[in-house]
């Protein structure tokens, strides 16, 4: 009995070690920044029914098919130049980090139940993908093709597809029919390609009724993409050359939760641009903004660092006070602007939940970067947070009596 127990424990440890090598794809590993999306889980309602198969499972000789994960075939990091034949029972196929240049139909002939294919980090070009090879995979939910040599969008694709990752390719245009007939698509990543405004003239996203996340960062856009679906919740447009947001642009996108538009050429934001009921996170750093704008009640995190703002006009951010609808803003980042004084104390009446204002260094005209007296302002610290700040020297620990008096006059006693 003891020997059987030991063998069972060893098998479980081995299975865990294999599983840990193949964690879910992490958006942040590719693009950096703070996570703004929920982990992806397959839609259980679309679970393909896999026929019974004998043990040990069939497996391509070039790959690994661990008994602990009988529906998966691991062929990654093996210097493969061609795709091996895929057994009928495989649901997850991992072919990333190889030297694959073509996607022929032959290896997928029996891949009836495949639900996820990862072909990232290869050398695949569009003309080397057999026409319709993916469209025939009627159970495919997730397709990774990032970090390849694709010059065109790889259509046709199956209507079952939910997530498509095409970042770090050379795609410069989107045919109008490329995304038609894909009612289940929820996430599309096109970051780090060669897309400019002309790529959207055929309004390729207009019929994607269930799309919740669209990533268009690091492209060549100069204007906001037109006719985005009203289902969008996460929109990534950072690192483009967008200089203007039409005043009513977001009226069609009421479900936006997170918007990223840092590293663009924005100079002015129309007052009610972000009148969005669900917006939680807004990134507008590294632009050319000269003043602030209206802050919706729902917004929690605001990033406007590295702009040209000389004064934070709280009245523009919060025109009226409504005690029954408290604004939810808790964090503001305003470093590398041109501020010479801290934000007015009126801000704490408009935004009573503010915990942190990060001032950092300011780019005051005619001088080297300078700091306000308090580079980081914090409120409502727990004892643990206070101790952490003390340990990191983030709270001034050599204040004079005059410093305390200045603090008391600057922040109304109500907030102590």
Protein backbone atom coordinates (compact mmCIF):
# COMPACT_ATOMS: atom_id res chain seq x y z
CA UNK A 1 0.00 0.00 0.00
CA UNK A 2 2.88 2.33 0.83
CA UNK A 3 4.50 1.74 -2.57
CA UNK A 4 1.25 2.51 -4.40
CA UNK A 5 0.85 5.72 -2.42
CA UNK A 6 4.37 6.81 -3.28
CA UNK A 7 3.82 6.07 -6.96
CA UNK A 8 0.60 8.07 -6.94
CA UNK A 9 2.30 11.05 -5.33
CA UNK A 10 5.15 10.93 -7.86
CA UNK A 11 2.68 10.84 -10.76
CA UNK A 12 0.79 13.84 -9.37
CA UNK A 13 4.02 15.82 -8.93
CA UNK A 14 5.09 14.99 -12.49
CA UNK A 15 1.71 16.05 -13.86
CA UNK A 16 1.88 19.34 -11.95
CA UNK A 17 5.35 20.07 -13.33
CA UNK A 18 4.11 19.54 -16.89
CA UNK A 19 1.05 21.72 -16.32
CA UNK A 20 3.12 24.58 -14.88
CA UNK A 21 5.14 24.76 -18.09
CA UNK A 22 2.06 25.61 -20.12
CA UNK A 23 0.22 28.39 -18.38
CA UNK A 24 -2.47 30.41 -20.15
CA UNK A 25 -1.37 33.11 -22.56
CA UNK A 26 -0.65 36.35 -20.71
CA UNK A 27 -1.40 39.58 -22.52
CA UNK A 28 0.90 41.48 -20.19
CA UNK A 29 3.92 39.42 -21.21
CA UNK A 30 3.48 40.80 -24.72
CA UNK A 31 2.52 44.40 -24.14
CA UNK A 32 3.42 45.31 -20.57
CA UNK A 33 1.35 47.45 -18.22
CA UNK A 34 -1.25 46.57 -15.68
CA UNK A 35 -3.65 43.72 -16.32
CA UNK A 36 -7.07 44.85 -17.41
CA UNK A 37 -8.78 41.68 -18.44
CA UNK A 38 -10.20 38.55 -16.89
CA UNK A 39 -8.51 35.19 -17.47
CA UNK A 40 -9.96 33.31 -20.39
CA UNK A 41 -11.99 30.18 -19.91
CA UNK A 42 -13.48 28.07 -22.65
CA UNK A 43 -17.22 28.33 -23.06
CA UNK A 44 -18.45 25.12 -21.48
CA UNK A 45 -21.61 25.29 -23.57
CA UNK A 46 -19.51 24.66 -26.66
CA UNK A 47 -17.51 21.77 -25.19
CA UNK A 48 -16.83 19.31 -27.98
CA UNK A 49 -17.78 15.72 -27.23
CA UNK A 50 -14.62 13.68 -27.61
CA UNK A 51 -14.98 9.99 -28.48
CA UNK A 52 -13.47 7.36 -26.20
CA UNK A 53 -9.91 6.48 -27.04
CA UNK A 54 -7.53 3.83 -25.75
CA UNK A 55 -4.52 4.37 -23.50
CA UNK A 56 -1.80 5.16 -24.15
CA UNK A 57 -3.12 7.97 -26.35
CA UNK A 58 -1.92 8.41 -29.90
CA UNK A 59 0.74 11.11 -30.22
CA UNK A 60 3.00 12.51 -32.92
CA UNK A 61 6.54 11.25 -32.35
CA UNK A 62 7.86 14.83 -32.37
CA UNK A 63 5.57 15.88 -29.53
CA UNK A 64 4.63 15.19 -25.92
CA UNK A 65 1.22 13.83 -24.92
CA UNK A 66 1.25 13.43 -21.12
CA UNK A 67 -1.30 10.94 -19.76
CA UNK A 68 -2.31 13.53 -17.16
CA UNK A 69 -3.55 15.79 -19.99
CA UNK A 70 -4.84 13.37 -22.61
CA UNK A 71 -6.55 16.04 -24.74
CA UNK A 72 -3.37 18.10 -25.24
CA UNK A 73 -0.39 17.68 -27.56
CA UNK A 74 2.76 19.70 -26.80
CA UNK A 75 4.99 20.31 -29.80
CA UNK A 76 6.51 23.65 -28.75
CA UNK A 77 10.19 24.64 -28.58
CA UNK A 78 11.28 21.67 -30.75
CA UNK A 79 12.74 23.40 -33.83
CA UNK A 80 9.98 21.91 -35.98
CA UNK A 81 9.75 23.05 -39.60
CA UNK A 82 6.50 21.27 -40.44
CA UNK A 83 3.31 20.58 -38.50
CA UNK A 84 2.98 16.91 -37.52
CA UNK A 85 -0.25 14.97 -38.06
CA UNK A 86 -2.78 15.73 -35.34
CA UNK A 87 -4.64 12.78 -33.78
CA UNK A 88 -8.41 12.83 -33.71
CA UNK A 89 -8.80 13.25 -29.96
CA UNK A 90 -6.57 16.36 -29.52
CA UNK A 91 -8.30 19.51 -28.26
CA UNK A 92 -5.31 21.70 -27.36
CA UNK A 93 -2.39 21.89 -29.80
CA UNK A 94 0.78 23.78 -28.83
CA UNK A 95 3.21 24.52 -31.66
CA UNK A 96 4.70 27.84 -30.51
CA UNK A 97 8.41 28.69 -30.73
CA UNK A 98 9.34 26.57 -33.74
CA UNK A 99 10.52 27.23 -37.31
CA UNK A 100 7.22 26.50 -39.03
CA UNK A 101 6.67 28.43 -42.28
CA UNK A 102 3.49 26.83 -43.70
CA UNK A 103 0.10 25.61 -42.48
CA UNK A 104 -1.04 22.88 -44.89
CA UNK A 105 -4.41 21.15 -44.66
CA UNK A 106 -2.99 17.64 -44.42
CA UNK A 107 -1.99 17.53 -40.72
CA UNK A 108 -5.45 18.80 -39.71
CA UNK A 109 -7.44 16.17 -41.65
CA UNK A 110 -8.40 14.27 -38.50
CA UNK A 111 -8.34 17.22 -36.08
CA UNK A 112 -12.11 17.22 -35.69
CA UNK A 113 -12.20 18.28 -32.06
CA UNK A 114 -9.33 20.75 -31.77
CA UNK A 115 -10.36 23.82 -29.76
CA UNK A 116 -7.10 25.71 -29.27
CA UNK A 117 -4.12 26.09 -31.61
CA UNK A 118 -1.00 28.00 -30.63
CA UNK A 119 1.25 28.75 -33.61
CA UNK A 120 2.89 31.87 -32.18
CA UNK A 121 6.59 32.60 -32.61
CA UNK A 122 7.04 30.90 -35.97
CA UNK A 123 7.73 32.14 -39.52
CA UNK A 124 4.29 31.70 -41.09
CA UNK A 125 3.27 33.85 -44.04
CA UNK A 126 -0.27 34.33 -45.31
CA UNK A 127 0.30 32.74 -48.72
CA UNK A 128 1.70 29.64 -47.01
CA UNK A 129 -1.59 28.94 -45.19
CA UNK A 130 -3.80 26.56 -47.19
CA UNK A 131 -7.08 28.25 -48.01
CA UNK A 132 -9.81 27.25 -45.55
CA UNK A 133 -7.56 25.12 -43.33
CA UNK A 134 -8.80 26.88 -40.18
CA UNK A 135 -12.38 27.36 -41.41
CA UNK A 136 -12.87 23.59 -41.48
CA UNK A 137 -12.13 23.29 -37.74
CA UNK A 138 -15.71 23.72 -36.54
CA UNK A 139 -14.84 23.44 -32.83
CA UNK A 140 -11.92 25.90 -32.82
CA UNK A 141 -12.29 28.54 -30.09
CA UNK A 142 -8.84 30.09 -29.75
CA UNK A 143 -6.13 30.70 -32.36
CA UNK A 144 -2.68 32.16 -31.59
CA UNK A 145 -0.73 33.48 -34.56
CA UNK A 146 1.19 36.34 -32.94
CA UNK A 147 4.89 36.83 -33.72
CA UNK A 148 4.83 35.49 -37.29
CA UNK A 149 5.31 36.98 -40.77
CA UNK A 150 1.67 37.44 -41.79
CA UNK A 151 1.16 40.22 -44.34
CA UNK A 152 -2.61 39.70 -44.54
CA UNK A 153 -5.46 38.78 -42.25
CA UNK A 154 -5.70 34.94 -42.17
CA UNK A 155 -9.26 34.39 -43.34
CA UNK A 156 -11.52 32.47 -43.77
CA UNK A 157 -11.94 31.43 -40.14
CA UNK A 158 -14.51 29.20 -38.41
CA UNK A 159 -17.65 30.78 -36.97
CA UNK A 160 -16.91 29.07 -33.65
CA UNK A 161 -13.81 31.18 -32.99
CA UNK A 162 -13.89 33.27 -29.79
CA UNK A 163 -10.31 34.60 -29.45
CA UNK A 164 -7.90 35.51 -32.23
CA UNK A 165 -4.38 36.79 -31.49
CA UNK A 166 -2.50 38.33 -34.41
CA UNK A 167 -0.10 40.72 -32.68
CA UNK A 168 3.46 41.29 -33.93
CA UNK A 169 2.88 40.58 -37.62
CA UNK A 170 2.95 42.71 -40.79
CA UNK A 171 -0.78 43.05 -41.47
CA UNK A 172 -1.56 46.33 -43.23
CA UNK A 173 -5.18 45.94 -44.33
CA UNK A 174 -8.40 44.23 -43.26
CA UNK A 175 -10.69 43.00 -46.07
CA UNK A 176 -14.30 43.96 -45.44
CA UNK A 177 -15.41 40.33 -45.35
CA UNK A 178 -12.52 39.07 -43.21
CA UNK A 179 -14.53 39.10 -39.98
CA UNK A 180 -17.97 38.33 -41.34
CA UNK A 181 -19.81 35.31 -40.02
CA UNK A 182 -17.97 35.27 -36.69
CA UNK A 183 -20.74 35.84 -34.13
CA UNK A 184 -18.81 34.29 -31.23
CA UNK A 185 -15.66 36.44 -31.43
CA UNK A 186 -15.05 38.14 -28.07
CA UNK A 187 -11.36 39.10 -28.28
CA UNK A 188 -9.25 40.30 -31.23
CA UNK A 189 -5.62 41.31 -30.87
CA UNK A 190 -4.06 43.24 -33.76
CA UNK A 191 -1.37 45.14 -31.83
CA UNK A 192 2.05 45.70 -33.38
CA UNK A 193 1.07 45.51 -37.04
CA UNK A 194 1.11 48.02 -39.92
CA UNK A 195 -2.53 49.14 -39.85
CA UNK A 196 -3.34 52.73 -40.82
CA UNK A 197 -6.66 54.55 -41.20
CA UNK A 198 -7.30 53.06 -44.64
CA UNK A 199 -7.53 49.59 -43.10
CA UNK A 200 -10.90 50.51 -41.59
CA UNK A 201 -12.60 52.02 -44.62
CA UNK A 202 -14.71 48.86 -45.03
CA UNK A 203 -15.77 48.97 -41.35
CA UNK A 204 -14.55 45.44 -40.60
CA UNK A 205 -15.74 45.38 -36.97
CA UNK A 206 -19.26 46.70 -37.42
CA UNK A 207 -20.97 43.27 -37.38
CA UNK A 208 -19.05 41.75 -34.47
CA UNK A 209 -21.90 41.87 -31.98
CA UNK A 210 -20.11 40.02 -29.16
CA UNK A 211 -16.63 41.57 -29.37
CA UNK A 212 -15.62 42.74 -25.89
CA UNK A 213 -11.87 43.34 -26.32
CA UNK A 214 -10.10 44.96 -29.27
CA UNK A 215 -6.35 45.63 -29.22
CA UNK A 216 -5.02 48.01 -31.88
CA UNK A 217 -1.95 49.32 -30.07
CA UNK A 218 1.34 50.01 -31.86
CA UNK A 219 -0.04 50.61 -35.34
CA UNK A 220 -0.18 53.69 -37.60
CA UNK A 221 -3.62 55.10 -36.81
CA UNK A 222 -4.16 58.86 -37.02
CA UNK A 223 -7.91 58.86 -36.33
CA UNK A 224 -10.24 56.86 -34.12
CA UNK A 225 -11.36 53.60 -35.80
CA UNK A 226 -14.96 53.93 -37.06
CA UNK A 227 -18.06 51.83 -36.33
CA UNK A 228 -16.77 49.76 -33.45
CA UNK A 229 -19.36 47.37 -31.97
CA UNK A 230 -21.34 48.58 -28.96
CA UNK A 231 -20.38 45.40 -27.07
CA UNK A 232 -16.77 46.58 -26.54
CA UNK A 233 -15.52 46.71 -22.96
CA UNK A 234 -11.72 46.93 -23.42
CA UNK A 235 -10.20 49.12 -26.15
CA UNK A 236 -6.44 49.47 -26.62
CA UNK A 237 -5.20 52.25 -28.93
CA UNK A 238 -1.90 53.23 -27.33
CA UNK A 239 1.22 53.96 -29.37
CA UNK A 240 -0.48 55.35 -32.45
CA UNK A 241 -0.65 58.90 -33.85
CA UNK A 242 -4.23 59.80 -32.97
CA UNK A 243 -4.64 63.55 -32.48
CA UNK A 244 -8.38 63.97 -31.96
CA UNK A 245 -11.40 62.20 -30.46
CA UNK A 246 -14.71 63.22 -32.06
CA UNK A 247 -17.04 64.70 -29.45
CA UNK A 248 -19.71 61.99 -29.60
CA UNK A 249 -17.42 59.13 -30.47
CA UNK A 250 -18.10 57.06 -27.35
CA UNK A 251 -21.88 57.42 -27.45
CA UNK A 252 -21.94 54.13 -29.35
CA UNK A 253 -19.68 52.40 -26.82
CA UNK A 254 -21.53 52.61 -23.50
CA UNK A 255 -20.03 49.40 -22.11
CA UNK A 256 -16.38 50.51 -22.17
CA UNK A 257 -14.62 49.53 -18.93
CA UNK A 258 -10.97 50.19 -19.80
CA UNK A 259 -9.61 52.59 -22.42
CA UNK A 260 -5.93 52.88 -23.25
CA UNK A 261 -4.80 55.80 -25.41
CA UNK A 262 -1.37 56.65 -24.03
CA UNK A 263 1.46 57.57 -26.41
CA UNK A 264 -0.62 59.38 -29.01
CA UNK A 265 -0.82 63.03 -30.15
CA UNK A 266 -3.95 64.14 -28.29
CA UNK A 267 -3.97 67.87 -27.54
CA UNK A 268 -7.53 68.50 -26.45
CA UNK A 269 -10.36 66.37 -25.06
CA UNK A 270 -13.92 67.63 -25.66
CA UNK A 271 -15.54 68.17 -22.28
CA UNK A 272 -18.04 65.27 -22.22
CA UNK A 273 -16.00 62.82 -24.28
CA UNK A 274 -15.84 60.23 -21.50
CA UNK A 275 -19.43 60.44 -20.30
CA UNK A 276 -19.42 56.65 -19.94
CA UNK A 277 -21.39 54.84 -17.23
CA UNK A 278 -19.04 51.85 -16.84
CA UNK A 279 -15.57 53.32 -17.37
CA UNK A 280 -13.17 52.20 -14.61
CA UNK A 281 -9.69 52.79 -16.06
CA UNK A 282 -8.51 55.55 -18.40
CA UNK A 283 -4.95 55.84 -19.75
CA UNK A 284 -4.09 59.14 -21.50
CA UNK A 285 -0.44 59.49 -20.51
CA UNK A 286 2.28 60.58 -22.93
CA UNK A 287 0.12 62.88 -25.03
CA UNK A 288 0.04 66.68 -25.45
CA UNK A 289 -2.94 67.54 -23.26
CA UNK A 290 -3.01 71.03 -21.78
CA UNK A 291 -6.06 70.70 -19.54
CA UNK A 292 -8.23 68.11 -17.85
CA UNK A 293 -11.77 67.04 -18.74
CA UNK A 294 -14.99 65.67 -17.26
CA UNK A 295 -14.53 62.58 -15.08
CA UNK A 296 -17.45 60.12 -15.10
CA UNK A 297 -18.82 58.85 -11.81
CA UNK A 298 -17.61 55.27 -12.39
CA UNK A 299 -13.94 56.05 -13.13
CA UNK A 300 -11.51 54.69 -10.53
CA UNK A 301 -8.01 55.03 -12.07
CA UNK A 302 -6.89 58.03 -14.16
CA UNK A 303 -3.48 58.19 -15.86
CA UNK A 304 -2.57 61.58 -17.41
CA UNK A 305 1.19 61.55 -16.84
CA UNK A 306 3.68 63.14 -19.26
CA UNK A 307 1.39 65.77 -20.76
CA UNK A 308 1.54 69.57 -20.77
CA UNK A 309 -0.96 70.31 -18.01
CA UNK A 310 -0.05 73.38 -15.92
CA UNK A 311 -3.09 73.40 -13.66
CA UNK A 312 -5.64 70.74 -12.62
CA UNK A 313 -9.00 72.50 -12.99
CA UNK A 314 -11.16 70.46 -10.65
CA UNK A 315 -14.31 72.25 -11.80
CA UNK A 316 -13.84 70.84 -15.30
CA UNK A 317 -13.42 67.38 -13.85
CA UNK A 318 -16.38 67.73 -11.49
CA UNK A 319 -18.83 70.51 -12.46
CA UNK A 320 -21.35 69.67 -9.70
CA UNK A 321 -21.51 67.83 -6.39
CA UNK A 322 -24.02 65.03 -5.97
CA UNK A 323 -23.93 63.39 -2.51
CA UNK A 324 -26.22 60.62 -3.74
CA UNK A 325 -23.89 59.66 -6.59
CA UNK A 326 -20.36 59.78 -5.20
CA UNK A 327 -17.61 59.71 -7.80
CA UNK A 328 -15.45 56.60 -7.51
CA UNK A 329 -12.02 58.02 -8.44
CA UNK A 330 -9.33 56.55 -6.15
CA UNK A 331 -6.03 57.05 -8.02
CA UNK A 332 -4.60 59.81 -10.21
CA UNK A 333 -1.20 59.86 -11.86
CA UNK A 334 -0.09 63.36 -12.93
CA UNK A 335 3.72 63.20 -12.94
CA UNK A 336 5.78 64.77 -15.74
CA UNK A 337 3.33 67.56 -16.42
CA UNK A 338 3.94 71.24 -15.73
CA UNK A 339 2.30 71.55 -12.34
CA UNK A 340 3.74 74.06 -9.90
CA UNK A 341 1.23 73.45 -7.10
CA UNK A 342 -0.77 70.48 -5.84
CA UNK A 343 -4.37 69.79 -6.81
CA UNK A 344 -6.92 72.02 -5.06
CA UNK A 345 -8.49 70.66 -1.88
CA UNK A 346 -11.86 71.03 -3.62
CA UNK A 347 -10.96 67.78 -5.39
CA UNK A 348 -11.56 65.89 -2.16
CA UNK A 349 -15.14 67.07 -2.00
CA UNK A 350 -15.74 65.98 -5.59
CA UNK A 351 -13.74 62.76 -5.26
CA UNK A 352 -14.01 61.70 -1.61
CA UNK A 353 -12.60 58.21 -2.29
CA UNK A 354 -9.21 59.37 -3.59
CA UNK A 355 -6.44 57.35 -1.95
CA UNK A 356 -3.37 58.30 -3.99
CA UNK A 357 -2.19 61.19 -6.15
CA UNK A 358 1.16 60.52 -7.78
CA UNK A 359 2.87 63.83 -8.55
CA UNK A 360 6.39 62.49 -9.13
CA UNK A 361 8.61 64.90 -11.05
CA UNK A 362 7.18 67.83 -12.99
CA UNK A 363 8.53 69.28 -16.24
CA UNK A 364 8.36 72.93 -15.31
CA UNK A 365 9.29 75.19 -18.26
CA UNK A 366 12.80 76.56 -18.16
CA UNK A 367 14.15 74.26 -15.50
CA UNK A 368 15.14 70.67 -14.92
CA UNK A 369 12.50 68.22 -13.68
CA UNK A 370 11.33 69.26 -10.23
CA UNK A 371 9.20 67.75 -7.49
CA UNK A 372 6.32 69.18 -5.56
CA UNK A 373 6.72 69.09 -1.78
CA UNK A 374 4.80 65.80 -1.62
CA UNK A 375 5.65 63.60 -4.64
CA UNK A 376 3.11 60.99 -3.50
CA UNK A 377 0.01 61.93 -1.53
CA UNK A 378 -1.80 59.08 0.24
CA UNK A 379 -4.95 58.91 2.33
CA UNK A 380 -6.60 56.23 4.46
CA UNK A 381 -3.48 54.10 4.80
CA UNK A 382 -3.85 50.87 6.72
CA UNK A 383 -1.10 50.18 9.29
CA UNK A 384 0.42 47.66 6.88
CA UNK A 385 0.42 50.14 4.00
CA UNK A 386 1.89 52.84 6.20
CA UNK A 387 4.71 50.55 7.32
CA UNK A 388 5.42 49.57 3.72
CA UNK A 389 5.60 53.21 2.71
CA UNK A 390 7.92 53.89 5.64
CA UNK A 391 10.18 51.02 4.63
CA UNK A 392 10.35 52.30 1.04
CA UNK A 393 10.99 55.89 2.12
CA UNK A 394 7.84 56.97 0.29
CA UNK A 395 6.52 58.96 3.24
CA UNK A 396 8.67 61.85 4.44
CA UNK A 397 10.01 60.85 7.85
CA UNK A 398 11.94 64.00 8.68
CA UNK A 399 9.15 66.57 8.62
CA UNK A 400 9.51 69.74 10.64
CA UNK A 401 6.76 71.37 12.69
CA UNK A 402 6.34 73.91 9.88
CA UNK A 403 5.81 71.03 7.45
CA UNK A 404 2.96 69.68 9.58
CA UNK A 405 1.35 73.12 9.76
CA UNK A 406 1.62 73.49 6.00
CA UNK A 407 0.06 70.06 5.55
CA UNK A 408 -2.82 71.00 7.83
CA UNK A 409 -3.50 74.18 5.89
CA UNK A 410 -3.24 72.44 2.54
CA UNK A 411 -5.49 69.47 3.32
CA UNK A 412 -8.61 70.42 5.21
CA UNK A 413 -8.72 68.89 8.67
CA UNK A 414 -11.80 66.93 7.62
CA UNK A 415 -9.54 64.61 5.66
CA UNK A 416 -7.12 63.73 8.45
